[in-house]
Amino acid sequence: MAYQPIENYGMIGDMHTVALVGTDGSIDWLCVPDFDSPSVFAAILDDRKGGRFKIAPVGDEVTCRQFYWPETNVLITRFLGPHGAAELADFMPAGRAVSGDRHCLQLIRRVTAVRGILKFRMECRPAFNYARDAHTATLTVGGATLTSPSLMLGLATEQPLETIDGAVVSQFALSEGEAAVFVLRHLSPELGCGISISVNEAEELFRRTIEFWQRWIAQSRYAGRWREIVHRSALALSLRLPRAVCRKALAAGVTGITATPGSGIQHSPSMPSCVSVSPTRPNNSCALWPLSAKNHMRASRCRSCMESMGGST
């Protein structure tokens, strides 16, 4: 499988960790439970053994488009094929009103057929601790568990599952209006895979997550000509504010990417590779340099990291 350009990735998160989602429906980067935890999926660094969580239509004649739900960090990937169209919504519930007082990773992936009939394949193939730890995949009632010596994940769904060489796989078809939901959770050993949520419950979490991010960005006082760009940059930056209380942003959502694709997983968290904050002005101003043109994240300047939305240009 070929490596994707970095601009083909969107970023989702819950202010504790982030995931990079490719336009092909593959999550190729995720650390659990926190930003600085070892990786679970790292195909962006090593396509062969890095691990991924992919949901996509079966077949090659599919066109993919990706965008954020307006004023949020909810990512939508559209699949357009000769036999139909579908949307994949990826998000992590954020904020106490959505995820509760005690943080626990909950990554929700909901795929919906918009037109026609489409066949899908889901593959969840983790590679724990930068692909250094072995793991077992076990089918349970309502999903599967993925267990390594130091971490346990649960994949909950109502779709039929099977295990293939340490991966959890599902093949299913959706007709217009039908949806399938997959929920990846960080678990303690006694919890099993966790309870699968219904399509209606996923819709409610989707709505509440949208409301959380739209309330967050509504605090903006910026009214200049670059409003959309500044807001998108601020939302991207917000994902990397640990636990939403730290006044310093992480340099990046992913470790350093190797110069040669496929040369192996290298853990170098000091290498900024997604969105970096660089102090460049004596008056405490800073430059936001978002690198993903696909998501309208162009370079823009603002007054300070935490008050970047407070003036006009």
Protein backbone atom coordinates (compact mmCIF):
# COMPACT_ATOMS: atom_id res chain seq x y z
CA MET A 1 0.00 0.00 0.00
CA ALA A 2 1.48 3.38 -1.04
CA TYR A 3 2.29 6.14 1.41
CA GLN A 4 0.00 9.16 1.34
CA PRO A 5 1.25 12.75 1.19
CA ILE A 6 0.97 14.50 4.56
CA GLU A 7 -1.62 16.89 3.09
CA ASN A 8 -3.95 13.92 2.60
CA TYR A 9 -4.48 13.63 6.36
CA GLY A 10 -7.06 15.27 8.58
CA MET A 11 -6.68 15.40 12.36
CA ILE A 12 -9.23 14.54 15.04
CA GLY A 13 -8.80 14.46 18.80
CA ASP A 14 -10.17 15.08 22.28
CA MET A 15 -7.41 17.30 23.77
CA HIS A 16 -5.73 14.19 25.21
CA THR A 17 -4.58 12.53 22.00
CA VAL A 18 -4.99 12.92 18.25
CA ALA A 19 -5.46 10.62 15.27
CA LEU A 20 -4.49 11.26 11.66
CA VAL A 21 -7.12 10.09 9.17
CA GLY A 22 -6.21 9.70 5.50
CA THR A 23 -8.49 10.50 2.60
CA ASP A 24 -8.64 6.74 1.97
CA GLY A 25 -10.41 6.22 5.33
CA SER A 26 -7.32 4.90 7.11
CA ILE A 27 -6.24 6.06 10.58
CA ASP A 28 -2.47 5.88 10.20
CA TRP A 29 -1.45 7.54 13.49
CA LEU A 30 -2.82 7.27 17.04
CA CYS A 31 -1.22 7.16 20.48
CA VAL A 32 -3.24 5.80 23.42
CA PRO A 33 -4.20 7.07 25.93
CA ASP A 34 -2.23 10.36 25.68
CA PHE A 35 -0.21 12.40 23.21
CA ASP A 36 3.10 11.12 24.59
CA SER A 37 2.04 7.47 24.85
CA PRO A 38 3.50 4.88 22.47
CA SER A 39 1.74 4.53 19.14
CA VAL A 40 -1.02 2.03 18.38
CA PHE A 41 -1.37 2.91 14.70
CA ALA A 42 1.69 4.23 12.86
CA ALA A 43 1.34 3.31 9.18
CA ILE A 44 2.25 6.90 8.35
CA LEU A 45 5.80 5.96 9.44
CA ASP A 46 5.93 2.33 8.32
CA ASP A 47 3.25 1.15 5.91
CA ARG A 48 4.13 -2.53 6.31
CA LYS A 49 4.21 -2.99 10.09
CA GLY A 50 3.10 0.33 11.61
CA GLY A 51 -0.57 -0.59 12.05
CA ARG A 52 -3.76 1.09 10.81
CA PHE A 53 -7.54 1.28 11.31
CA LYS A 54 -9.18 1.52 7.89
CA ILE A 55 -12.79 1.70 6.72
CA ALA A 56 -13.29 2.04 2.97
CA PRO A 57 -15.41 0.78 0.08
CA VAL A 58 -14.23 -2.35 -1.70
CA GLY A 59 -12.84 -1.67 -5.18
CA ASP A 60 -10.46 0.74 -6.87
CA GLU A 61 -12.90 3.00 -8.72
CA VAL A 62 -13.62 5.23 -5.73
CA THR A 63 -13.01 8.96 -5.45
CA CYS A 64 -12.33 10.33 -1.96
CA ARG A 65 -12.91 13.82 -0.59
CA GLN A 66 -12.32 15.05 2.94
CA PHE A 67 -13.44 18.09 4.91
CA TYR A 68 -14.27 19.24 8.44
CA TRP A 69 -17.81 19.78 9.61
CA PRO A 70 -18.03 23.60 9.76
CA GLU A 71 -16.40 25.16 12.85
CA THR A 72 -15.52 21.77 14.41
CA ASN A 73 -12.85 19.08 14.63
CA VAL A 74 -15.27 16.45 13.29
CA LEU A 75 -13.86 15.00 10.08
CA ILE A 76 -15.98 13.83 7.13
CA THR A 77 -14.61 11.61 4.36
CA ARG A 78 -16.79 11.13 1.27
CA PHE A 79 -16.50 8.10 -0.98
CA LEU A 80 -17.91 8.38 -4.50
CA GLY A 81 -18.06 5.19 -6.57
CA PRO A 82 -19.82 3.87 -9.67
CA HIS A 83 -22.44 2.07 -7.57
CA GLY A 84 -23.08 4.65 -4.86
CA ALA A 85 -21.79 7.24 -2.41
CA ALA A 86 -21.07 7.17 1.32
CA GLU A 87 -19.82 9.38 4.15
CA LEU A 88 -17.46 8.41 6.96
CA ALA A 89 -17.64 10.59 10.08
CA ASP A 90 -14.65 10.39 12.44
CA PHE A 91 -14.56 12.08 15.83
CA MET A 92 -13.61 11.77 19.48
CA PRO A 93 -16.16 13.06 21.99
CA ALA A 94 -14.52 15.94 23.87
CA GLY A 95 -15.36 17.94 26.97
CA ARG A 96 -16.91 16.83 30.24
CA ALA A 97 -20.47 17.16 28.95
CA VAL A 98 -19.68 14.57 26.28
CA SER A 99 -17.00 12.28 27.68
CA GLY A 100 -17.47 12.64 31.46
CA ASP A 101 -15.14 13.79 34.23
CA ARG A 102 -12.70 10.90 33.80
CA HIS A 103 -11.04 10.76 30.42
CA CYS A 104 -11.26 7.52 28.49
CA LEU A 105 -10.44 7.35 24.81
CA GLN A 106 -13.50 6.85 22.63
CA LEU A 107 -12.90 7.07 18.89
CA ILE A 108 -16.13 6.83 16.91
CA ARG A 109 -16.27 5.96 13.21
CA ARG A 110 -19.68 6.04 11.54
CA VAL A 111 -20.06 5.19 7.86
CA THR A 112 -23.37 5.97 6.12
CA ALA A 113 -24.53 5.06 2.63
CA VAL A 114 -25.86 8.21 0.95
CA ARG A 115 -26.76 6.71 -2.42
CA GLY A 116 -26.89 3.25 -3.96
CA ILE A 117 -25.36 0.12 -2.41
CA LEU A 118 -21.72 -0.09 -1.37
CA LYS A 119 -19.60 -2.94 -0.01
CA PHE A 120 -17.10 -2.00 2.71
CA ARG A 121 -14.12 -3.54 4.40
CA MET A 122 -13.01 -2.57 7.90
CA GLU A 123 -9.57 -3.57 9.15
CA CYS A 124 -8.29 -2.72 12.61
CA ARG A 125 -4.67 -3.86 12.80
CA PRO A 126 -2.86 -2.29 15.76
CA ALA A 127 0.90 -2.33 16.26
CA PHE A 128 1.40 -1.57 19.94
CA ASN A 129 4.39 0.38 21.30
CA TYR A 130 5.79 1.45 17.92
CA ALA A 131 5.24 -2.09 16.59
CA ARG A 132 7.52 -3.58 19.27
CA ASP A 133 4.87 -5.36 21.39
CA ALA A 134 2.99 -8.49 20.37
CA HIS A 135 -0.77 -8.57 20.90
CA THR A 136 -3.75 -10.88 20.74
CA ALA A 137 -7.08 -10.20 19.00
CA THR A 138 -10.08 -11.91 20.59
CA LEU A 139 -13.69 -11.83 19.42
CA THR A 140 -16.24 -11.15 22.15
CA VAL A 141 -19.96 -10.46 22.35
CA GLY A 142 -20.51 -7.16 20.54
CA GLY A 143 -16.99 -6.71 19.23
CA ALA A 144 -13.38 -7.65 19.90
CA THR A 145 -10.51 -6.95 22.28
CA LEU A 146 -6.94 -6.16 21.27
CA THR A 147 -4.53 -6.85 24.10
CA SER A 148 -0.80 -6.19 24.48
CA PRO A 149 1.31 -6.54 27.63
CA SER A 150 0.78 -2.86 28.50
CA LEU A 151 -2.46 -1.80 26.80
CA MET A 152 -5.94 -3.12 26.06
CA LEU A 153 -8.31 -1.76 23.41
CA GLY A 154 -11.90 -2.68 22.68
CA LEU A 155 -13.56 -2.45 19.27
CA ALA A 156 -17.34 -2.42 19.62
CA THR A 157 -19.74 -2.81 16.70
CA GLU A 158 -22.90 -4.56 15.61
CA GLN A 159 -21.23 -5.70 12.36
CA PRO A 160 -19.89 -9.28 12.02
CA LEU A 161 -16.17 -9.58 12.78
CA GLU A 162 -13.36 -12.05 12.19
CA THR A 163 -9.69 -12.13 13.16
CA ILE A 164 -6.95 -12.46 10.54
CA ASP A 165 -3.28 -12.53 11.61
CA GLY A 166 -3.82 -10.28 14.63
CA ALA A 167 -6.21 -7.90 12.85
CA VAL A 168 -9.95 -7.54 13.35
CA VAL A 169 -11.75 -7.47 10.01
CA SER A 170 -15.35 -6.89 8.92
CA GLN A 171 -16.90 -6.97 5.45
CA PHE A 172 -20.39 -5.59 5.07
CA ALA A 173 -22.73 -3.86 2.63
CA LEU A 174 -24.81 -0.74 3.18
CA SER A 175 -27.82 0.42 1.20
CA GLU A 176 -28.95 4.03 0.95
CA GLY A 177 -29.74 5.39 4.40
CA GLU A 178 -28.07 2.54 6.32
CA ALA A 179 -25.12 3.10 8.65
CA ALA A 180 -22.49 1.10 10.52
CA VAL A 181 -20.73 2.28 13.69
CA PHE A 182 -17.33 1.22 15.07
CA VAL A 183 -16.12 2.44 18.46
CA LEU A 184 -12.51 2.04 19.58
CA ARG A 185 -11.98 2.38 23.35
CA HIS A 186 -9.15 2.22 25.84
CA LEU A 187 -10.14 -0.48 28.33
CA SER A 188 -9.26 -2.03 31.62
CA PRO A 189 -9.05 -5.87 31.50
CA GLU A 190 -12.38 -6.49 33.21
CA LEU A 191 -14.50 -4.47 30.74
CA GLY A 192 -14.39 -6.67 27.65
CA CYS A 193 -14.81 -4.78 24.38
CA GLY A 194 -17.27 -2.28 25.86
CA ILE A 195 -20.88 -1.84 24.84
CA SER A 196 -21.57 -1.19 21.18
CA ILE A 197 -23.55 1.98 20.56
CA SER A 198 -26.49 2.18 18.19
CA VAL A 199 -26.69 4.41 15.13
CA ASN A 200 -29.00 6.75 17.07
CA GLU A 201 -26.58 6.92 20.02
CA ALA A 202 -23.73 7.65 17.62
CA GLU A 203 -25.80 10.46 16.09
CA GLU A 204 -26.36 11.96 19.55
CA LEU A 205 -22.63 11.87 20.34
CA PHE A 206 -21.95 13.34 16.90
CA ARG A 207 -24.34 16.22 17.60
CA ARG A 208 -22.93 16.89 21.09
CA THR A 209 -19.35 16.83 19.81
CA ILE A 210 -20.26 19.34 17.09
CA GLU A 211 -21.89 21.57 19.71
CA PHE A 212 -18.78 21.38 21.92
CA TRP A 213 -16.42 22.58 19.19
CA GLN A 214 -18.82 25.21 17.86
CA ARG A 215 -19.22 26.64 21.37
CA TRP A 216 -15.45 26.64 21.74
CA ILE A 217 -14.80 28.56 18.51
CA ALA A 218 -17.77 30.90 19.16
CA GLN A 219 -15.58 32.58 21.79
CA SER A 220 -13.51 34.01 18.96
CA ARG A 221 -13.42 37.79 18.66
CA TYR A 222 -11.61 37.74 15.35
CA ALA A 223 -13.61 39.43 12.57
CA GLY A 224 -10.99 40.05 9.90
CA ARG A 225 -10.70 38.88 6.34
CA TRP A 226 -8.93 35.65 7.31
CA ARG A 227 -11.65 34.46 9.68
CA GLU A 228 -12.07 30.96 8.18
CA ILE A 229 -8.31 30.37 8.08
CA VAL A 230 -7.71 31.67 11.62
CA HIS A 231 -10.59 29.63 13.02
CA ARG A 232 -9.41 26.44 11.31
CA SER A 233 -5.89 27.05 12.63
CA ALA A 234 -7.23 27.69 16.13
CA LEU A 235 -9.30 24.49 16.06
CA ALA A 236 -6.29 22.49 14.89
CA LEU A 237 -4.17 24.04 17.63
CA SER A 238 -6.83 23.34 20.25
CA LEU A 239 -6.45 19.59 19.68
CA ARG A 240 -2.90 19.83 20.96
CA LEU A 241 -3.60 21.68 24.20
CA PRO A 242 -3.11 18.81 26.70
CA ARG A 243 -6.14 18.31 28.93
CA ALA A 244 -7.40 21.72 27.84
CA VAL A 245 -5.68 23.43 30.78
CA CYS A 246 -2.04 23.74 29.68
CA ARG A 247 -0.95 27.10 28.30
CA LYS A 248 1.62 25.46 26.04
CA ALA A 249 0.73 23.62 22.86
CA LEU A 250 2.47 20.48 21.69
CA ALA A 251 4.81 21.03 18.78
CA ALA A 252 3.06 18.38 16.71
CA GLY A 253 0.45 15.67 16.75
CA VAL A 254 2.83 13.02 15.40
CA THR A 255 6.47 12.05 15.87
CA GLY A 256 9.13 12.94 13.32
CA ILE A 257 8.44 11.48 9.89
CA THR A 258 11.39 9.68 8.37
CA ALA A 259 13.05 11.25 5.35
CA THR A 260 12.67 8.02 3.38
CA PRO A 261 9.17 6.43 3.46
CA GLY A 262 9.32 2.90 4.77
CA SER A 263 12.70 3.26 6.47
CA GLY A 264 11.12 2.28 9.77
CA ILE A 265 9.41 3.72 12.84
CA GLN A 266 11.54 6.30 14.62
CA HIS A 267 10.36 7.84 17.87
CA SER A 268 11.46 11.50 17.83
CA PRO A 269 8.67 13.58 19.37
CA SER A 270 10.66 16.81 19.16
CA MET A 271 10.28 16.88 15.37
CA PRO A 272 7.27 19.07 14.46
CA SER A 273 5.35 17.61 11.56
CA CYS A 274 1.72 18.69 11.66
CA VAL A 275 1.06 22.14 13.08
CA SER A 276 3.75 24.01 14.98
CA VAL A 277 3.74 27.18 17.07
CA SER A 278 6.87 29.24 16.57
CA PRO A 279 7.57 32.45 18.58
CA THR A 280 8.88 34.91 16.01
CA ARG A 281 8.00 38.40 17.27
CA PRO A 282 9.35 40.38 20.25
CA ASN A 283 5.83 41.50 21.21
CA ASN A 284 4.73 37.95 22.10
CA SER A 285 3.03 37.41 18.75
CA CYS A 286 3.43 34.02 17.13
CA ALA A 287 3.05 32.44 13.73
CA LEU A 288 0.76 29.50 13.08
CA TRP A 289 2.05 27.44 10.20
CA PRO A 290 -0.56 24.79 9.40
CA LEU A 291 0.77 22.48 6.70
CA SER A 292 -2.47 20.99 5.36
CA ALA A 293 -3.74 23.06 2.44
CA LYS A 294 -6.57 20.58 1.93
CA ASN A 295 -8.27 21.80 5.09
CA HIS A 296 -7.86 25.52 4.28
CA MET A 297 -5.06 25.75 6.83
CA ARG A 298 -2.78 28.35 5.32
CA ALA A 299 -0.11 30.34 7.12
CA SER A 300 -1.59 33.13 9.22
CA ARG A 301 -0.28 35.43 11.95
CA CYS A 302 -2.00 36.23 15.21
CA ARG A 303 -1.32 38.03 18.47
CA SER A 304 -0.61 35.21 20.91
CA CYS A 305 -1.09 31.45 21.19
CA MET A 306 -4.02 31.62 23.56
CA GLU A 307 -5.53 34.84 22.20
CA SER A 308 -4.97 34.26 18.51
CA MET A 309 -8.59 35.03 17.68
CA GLY A 310 -8.84 38.36 19.46
CA GLY A 311 -8.30 41.05 16.79
CA SER A 312 -8.74 41.85 13.13
CA THR A 313 -6.26 42.26 10.33
